[in-house]
Amino acid sequence: MTATNNAPDQPDQPTDDRWQHILDRITALERRIHELNATTITALDTHLARLEALRHDLAHHPWPPDPATHPAPRRTPLNPGREPELTSA
C-alpha cells in the first residue's frame, strides 16, 4: 500500500525476478566459501605434514645431533660469485 492512497503497491517486476539477484549472490558466496575452505584445508594439511616430519626427526634422532653423523649445513655467501670487499683501516 502506498502512502498517498489505499491502492496496493504494484511491483515493477514479478516476485521471483526481484529476488533472483540476491539468490545468485548467495550462490556465488557459497561457492567462494567452499573454495576458500578447500584451499585452507590443503594449506593446513601441508603444515601438519611438515610438523609431523619434524616430530618424527626429533623423536628418532639423538639430540643434540652428533657432528660426525649430521654435519652442519654449509653456509652460502650472500653474493655468490663475488669476492668480499676488503676495507682498509
N, C-alpha and C. Protein backbone atom coordinates (compact mmCIF):
# COMPACT_ATOMS: atom_id res chain seq x y z
N MET A 1 0.85 -1.16 0.00
CA MET A 1 0.00 0.00 0.00
C MET A 1 0.90 1.24 0.00
N THR A 2 0.56 2.21 -0.81
CA THR A 2 1.38 3.42 -0.88
C THR A 2 0.94 4.39 0.20
N ALA A 3 1.77 5.39 0.44
CA ALA A 3 1.46 6.38 1.47
C ALA A 3 0.43 7.40 1.00
N THR A 4 0.16 7.49 -0.30
CA THR A 4 -0.73 8.53 -0.81
C THR A 4 -2.16 8.06 -1.01
N ASN A 5 -2.37 6.75 -1.15
CA ASN A 5 -3.74 6.27 -1.31
C ASN A 5 -3.87 4.85 -0.76
N ASN A 6 -4.99 4.28 -0.85
CA ASN A 6 -5.24 2.94 -0.31
C ASN A 6 -5.02 1.83 -1.33
N ALA A 7 -4.51 2.16 -2.51
CA ALA A 7 -4.30 1.16 -3.54
C ALA A 7 -3.07 0.32 -3.19
N PRO A 8 -3.11 -1.00 -3.43
CA PRO A 8 -1.94 -1.84 -3.14
C PRO A 8 -0.78 -1.51 -4.08
N ASP A 9 0.41 -1.67 -3.58
CA ASP A 9 1.61 -1.44 -4.40
C ASP A 9 1.68 -2.47 -5.51
N GLN A 10 2.09 -2.01 -6.68
CA GLN A 10 2.28 -2.91 -7.82
C GLN A 10 3.78 -3.03 -8.05
N PRO A 11 4.36 -4.22 -7.89
CA PRO A 11 5.81 -4.37 -8.12
C PRO A 11 6.14 -4.17 -9.58
N ASP A 12 7.33 -3.62 -9.80
CA ASP A 12 7.79 -3.40 -11.17
C ASP A 12 8.15 -4.72 -11.83
N GLN A 13 8.56 -5.69 -11.05
CA GLN A 13 8.98 -6.99 -11.58
C GLN A 13 8.19 -8.07 -10.84
N PRO A 14 8.09 -9.23 -11.45
CA PRO A 14 7.47 -10.34 -10.73
C PRO A 14 8.32 -10.67 -9.49
N THR A 15 7.70 -11.27 -8.49
CA THR A 15 8.36 -11.56 -7.22
C THR A 15 9.61 -12.40 -7.41
N ASP A 16 9.56 -13.41 -8.27
CA ASP A 16 10.72 -14.27 -8.49
C ASP A 16 11.92 -13.49 -9.03
N ASP A 17 11.67 -12.57 -9.93
CA ASP A 17 12.76 -11.79 -10.53
C ASP A 17 13.36 -10.79 -9.55
N ARG A 18 12.53 -10.28 -8.62
CA ARG A 18 13.04 -9.30 -7.67
C ARG A 18 14.13 -9.89 -6.78
N TRP A 19 14.03 -11.15 -6.44
CA TRP A 19 14.96 -11.79 -5.51
C TRP A 19 16.03 -12.61 -6.18
N GLN A 20 15.96 -12.76 -7.50
CA GLN A 20 16.91 -13.63 -8.19
C GLN A 20 18.35 -13.15 -8.03
N HIS A 21 18.59 -11.85 -8.10
CA HIS A 21 19.96 -11.35 -7.96
C HIS A 21 20.50 -11.65 -6.57
N ILE A 22 19.66 -11.60 -5.54
CA ILE A 22 20.10 -11.94 -4.19
C ILE A 22 20.44 -13.42 -4.11
N LEU A 23 19.61 -14.26 -4.69
CA LEU A 23 19.88 -15.71 -4.69
C LEU A 23 21.16 -16.02 -5.46
N ASP A 24 21.40 -15.31 -6.55
CA ASP A 24 22.63 -15.51 -7.31
C ASP A 24 23.86 -15.12 -6.49
N ARG A 25 23.77 -14.03 -5.75
CA ARG A 25 24.88 -13.60 -4.89
C ARG A 25 25.14 -14.62 -3.78
N ILE A 26 24.07 -15.14 -3.19
CA ILE A 26 24.23 -16.15 -2.14
C ILE A 26 24.91 -17.39 -2.70
N THR A 27 24.51 -17.81 -3.88
CA THR A 27 25.14 -18.97 -4.52
C THR A 27 26.62 -18.71 -4.78
N ALA A 28 26.95 -17.51 -5.27
CA ALA A 28 28.35 -17.17 -5.52
C ALA A 28 29.15 -17.15 -4.21
N LEU A 29 28.57 -16.63 -3.15
CA LEU A 29 29.25 -16.62 -1.85
C LEU A 29 29.48 -18.04 -1.33
N GLU A 30 28.49 -18.90 -1.48
CA GLU A 30 28.65 -20.29 -1.05
C GLU A 30 29.79 -20.97 -1.81
N ARG A 31 29.85 -20.73 -3.11
CA ARG A 31 30.91 -21.32 -3.93
C ARG A 31 32.28 -20.81 -3.48
N ARG A 32 32.38 -19.51 -3.21
CA ARG A 32 33.65 -18.91 -2.77
C ARG A 32 34.06 -19.47 -1.40
N ILE A 33 33.11 -19.65 -0.51
CA ILE A 33 33.40 -20.23 0.81
C ILE A 33 33.94 -21.63 0.66
N HIS A 34 33.35 -22.43 -0.20
CA HIS A 34 33.84 -23.80 -0.42
C HIS A 34 35.25 -23.79 -0.99
N GLU A 35 35.53 -22.87 -1.92
CA GLU A 35 36.88 -22.77 -2.49
C GLU A 35 37.89 -22.39 -1.42
N LEU A 36 37.55 -21.40 -0.60
CA LEU A 36 38.46 -20.97 0.46
C LEU A 36 38.68 -22.08 1.49
N ASN A 37 37.62 -22.81 1.81
CA ASN A 37 37.76 -23.92 2.74
C ASN A 37 38.71 -24.98 2.19
N ALA A 38 38.58 -25.30 0.92
CA ALA A 38 39.45 -26.31 0.32
C ALA A 38 40.91 -25.83 0.33
N THR A 39 41.13 -24.57 0.00
CA THR A 39 42.48 -24.02 0.00
C THR A 39 43.07 -24.03 1.41
N THR A 40 42.28 -23.64 2.38
CA THR A 40 42.73 -23.60 3.77
C THR A 40 43.06 -24.99 4.27
N ILE A 41 42.22 -25.96 3.97
CA ILE A 41 42.45 -27.34 4.41
C ILE A 41 43.73 -27.88 3.78
N THR A 42 43.96 -27.58 2.52
CA THR A 42 45.18 -28.02 1.85
C THR A 42 46.41 -27.42 2.52
N ALA A 43 46.37 -26.13 2.81
CA ALA A 43 47.50 -25.47 3.47
C ALA A 43 47.74 -26.06 4.86
N LEU A 44 46.67 -26.30 5.61
CA LEU A 44 46.81 -26.90 6.94
C LEU A 44 47.39 -28.30 6.85
N ASP A 45 46.94 -29.08 5.89
CA ASP A 45 47.48 -30.43 5.71
C ASP A 45 48.98 -30.39 5.42
N THR A 46 49.40 -29.44 4.60
CA THR A 46 50.82 -29.30 4.29
C THR A 46 51.62 -28.96 5.54
N HIS A 47 51.14 -28.01 6.32
CA HIS A 47 51.85 -27.61 7.54
C HIS A 47 51.87 -28.74 8.56
N LEU A 48 50.75 -29.45 8.69
CA LEU A 48 50.71 -30.57 9.63
C LEU A 48 51.67 -31.68 9.21
N ALA A 49 51.80 -31.92 7.92
CA ALA A 49 52.75 -32.93 7.45
C ALA A 49 54.17 -32.52 7.78
N ARG A 50 54.51 -31.24 7.61
CA ARG A 50 55.85 -30.76 7.98
C ARG A 50 56.09 -30.91 9.48
N LEU A 51 55.09 -30.57 10.28
CA LEU A 51 55.23 -30.72 11.73
C LEU A 51 55.41 -32.19 12.11
N GLU A 52 54.68 -33.06 11.46
CA GLU A 52 54.82 -34.49 11.75
C GLU A 52 56.21 -34.98 11.38
N ALA A 53 56.75 -34.51 10.27
CA ALA A 53 58.11 -34.90 9.88
C ALA A 53 59.13 -34.39 10.90
N LEU A 54 58.96 -33.18 11.36
CA LEU A 54 59.86 -32.64 12.39
C LEU A 54 59.74 -33.44 13.69
N ARG A 55 58.51 -33.76 14.07
CA ARG A 55 58.29 -34.55 15.28
C ARG A 55 58.98 -35.90 15.17
N HIS A 56 58.85 -36.52 14.00
CA HIS A 56 59.48 -37.82 13.78
C HIS A 56 60.99 -37.70 13.90
N ASP A 57 61.57 -36.68 13.27
CA ASP A 57 63.02 -36.48 13.36
C ASP A 57 63.47 -36.28 14.80
N LEU A 58 62.74 -35.46 15.53
CA LEU A 58 63.13 -35.22 16.92
C LEU A 58 62.97 -36.47 17.78
N ALA A 59 61.99 -37.29 17.48
CA ALA A 59 61.75 -38.49 18.28
C ALA A 59 62.73 -39.61 17.96
N HIS A 60 63.29 -39.64 16.74
CA HIS A 60 64.10 -40.77 16.32
C HIS A 60 65.58 -40.45 16.11
N HIS A 61 65.99 -39.22 16.31
CA HIS A 61 67.38 -38.85 16.15
C HIS A 61 67.89 -38.29 17.48
N PRO A 62 69.15 -38.52 17.78
CA PRO A 62 69.68 -38.02 19.05
C PRO A 62 69.73 -36.50 19.08
N TRP A 63 69.62 -35.96 20.28
CA TRP A 63 69.70 -34.52 20.42
C TRP A 63 70.73 -34.20 21.48
N PRO A 64 71.62 -33.35 21.30
CA PRO A 64 71.90 -32.60 20.07
C PRO A 64 72.50 -33.52 19.03
N PRO A 65 72.39 -33.15 17.77
CA PRO A 65 72.91 -34.00 16.70
C PRO A 65 74.41 -34.23 16.84
N ASP A 66 74.84 -35.43 16.51
CA ASP A 66 76.26 -35.76 16.52
C ASP A 66 76.90 -35.17 15.27
N PRO A 67 77.90 -34.30 15.40
CA PRO A 67 78.50 -33.66 14.22
C PRO A 67 79.10 -34.66 13.23
N ALA A 68 79.50 -35.84 13.71
CA ALA A 68 80.08 -36.82 12.80
C ALA A 68 79.02 -37.41 11.87
N THR A 69 77.80 -37.59 12.36
CA THR A 69 76.74 -38.18 11.53
C THR A 69 75.84 -37.13 10.90
N HIS A 70 75.77 -35.97 11.50
CA HIS A 70 74.93 -34.89 10.98
C HIS A 70 75.77 -33.62 10.87
N PRO A 71 76.55 -33.47 9.80
CA PRO A 71 77.39 -32.27 9.68
C PRO A 71 76.54 -31.02 9.58
N ALA A 72 77.10 -29.92 10.02
CA ALA A 72 76.41 -28.64 9.95
C ALA A 72 76.20 -28.27 8.48
N PRO A 73 75.10 -27.61 8.18
CA PRO A 73 74.87 -27.21 6.79
C PRO A 73 75.91 -26.18 6.35
N ARG A 74 76.26 -26.24 5.06
CA ARG A 74 77.22 -25.28 4.51
C ARG A 74 76.56 -23.93 4.42
N ARG A 75 77.33 -22.93 4.75
CA ARG A 75 76.82 -21.57 4.60
C ARG A 75 77.17 -21.08 3.20
N THR A 76 76.22 -20.48 2.56
CA THR A 76 76.48 -19.93 1.23
C THR A 76 76.73 -18.44 1.37
N PRO A 77 77.62 -17.91 0.54
CA PRO A 77 77.90 -16.47 0.64
C PRO A 77 76.67 -15.66 0.25
N LEU A 78 76.60 -14.44 0.76
CA LEU A 78 75.47 -13.59 0.44
C LEU A 78 75.42 -13.24 -1.04
N ASN A 79 76.59 -13.03 -1.64
CA ASN A 79 76.68 -12.70 -3.06
C ASN A 79 77.55 -13.76 -3.74
N PRO A 80 76.99 -14.90 -4.13
CA PRO A 80 77.81 -15.92 -4.75
C PRO A 80 78.49 -15.41 -6.01
N GLY A 81 79.75 -15.84 -6.20
CA GLY A 81 80.49 -15.44 -7.38
C GLY A 81 81.16 -14.09 -7.26
N ARG A 82 80.99 -13.45 -6.16
CA ARG A 82 81.57 -12.12 -5.97
C ARG A 82 82.48 -12.16 -4.74
N GLU A 83 83.65 -11.67 -4.90
CA GLU A 83 84.61 -11.65 -3.79
C GLU A 83 84.17 -10.64 -2.74
N PRO A 84 84.39 -10.95 -1.46
CA PRO A 84 84.04 -9.95 -0.45
C PRO A 84 84.98 -8.75 -0.55
N GLU A 85 84.41 -7.60 -0.29
CA GLU A 85 85.20 -6.38 -0.38
C GLU A 85 86.00 -6.22 0.91
N LEU A 86 87.28 -5.88 0.74
CA LEU A 86 88.16 -5.65 1.89
C LEU A 86 88.22 -4.16 2.14
N THR A 87 88.08 -3.82 3.39
CA THR A 87 88.17 -2.40 3.72
C THR A 87 89.49 -2.16 4.43
N SER A 88 90.11 -1.06 4.14
CA SER A 88 91.38 -0.72 4.81
C SER A 88 91.08 0.22 5.97
N ALA A 89 91.83 0.03 7.04
CA ALA A 89 91.62 0.85 8.22
C ALA A 89 92.46 2.08 8.19
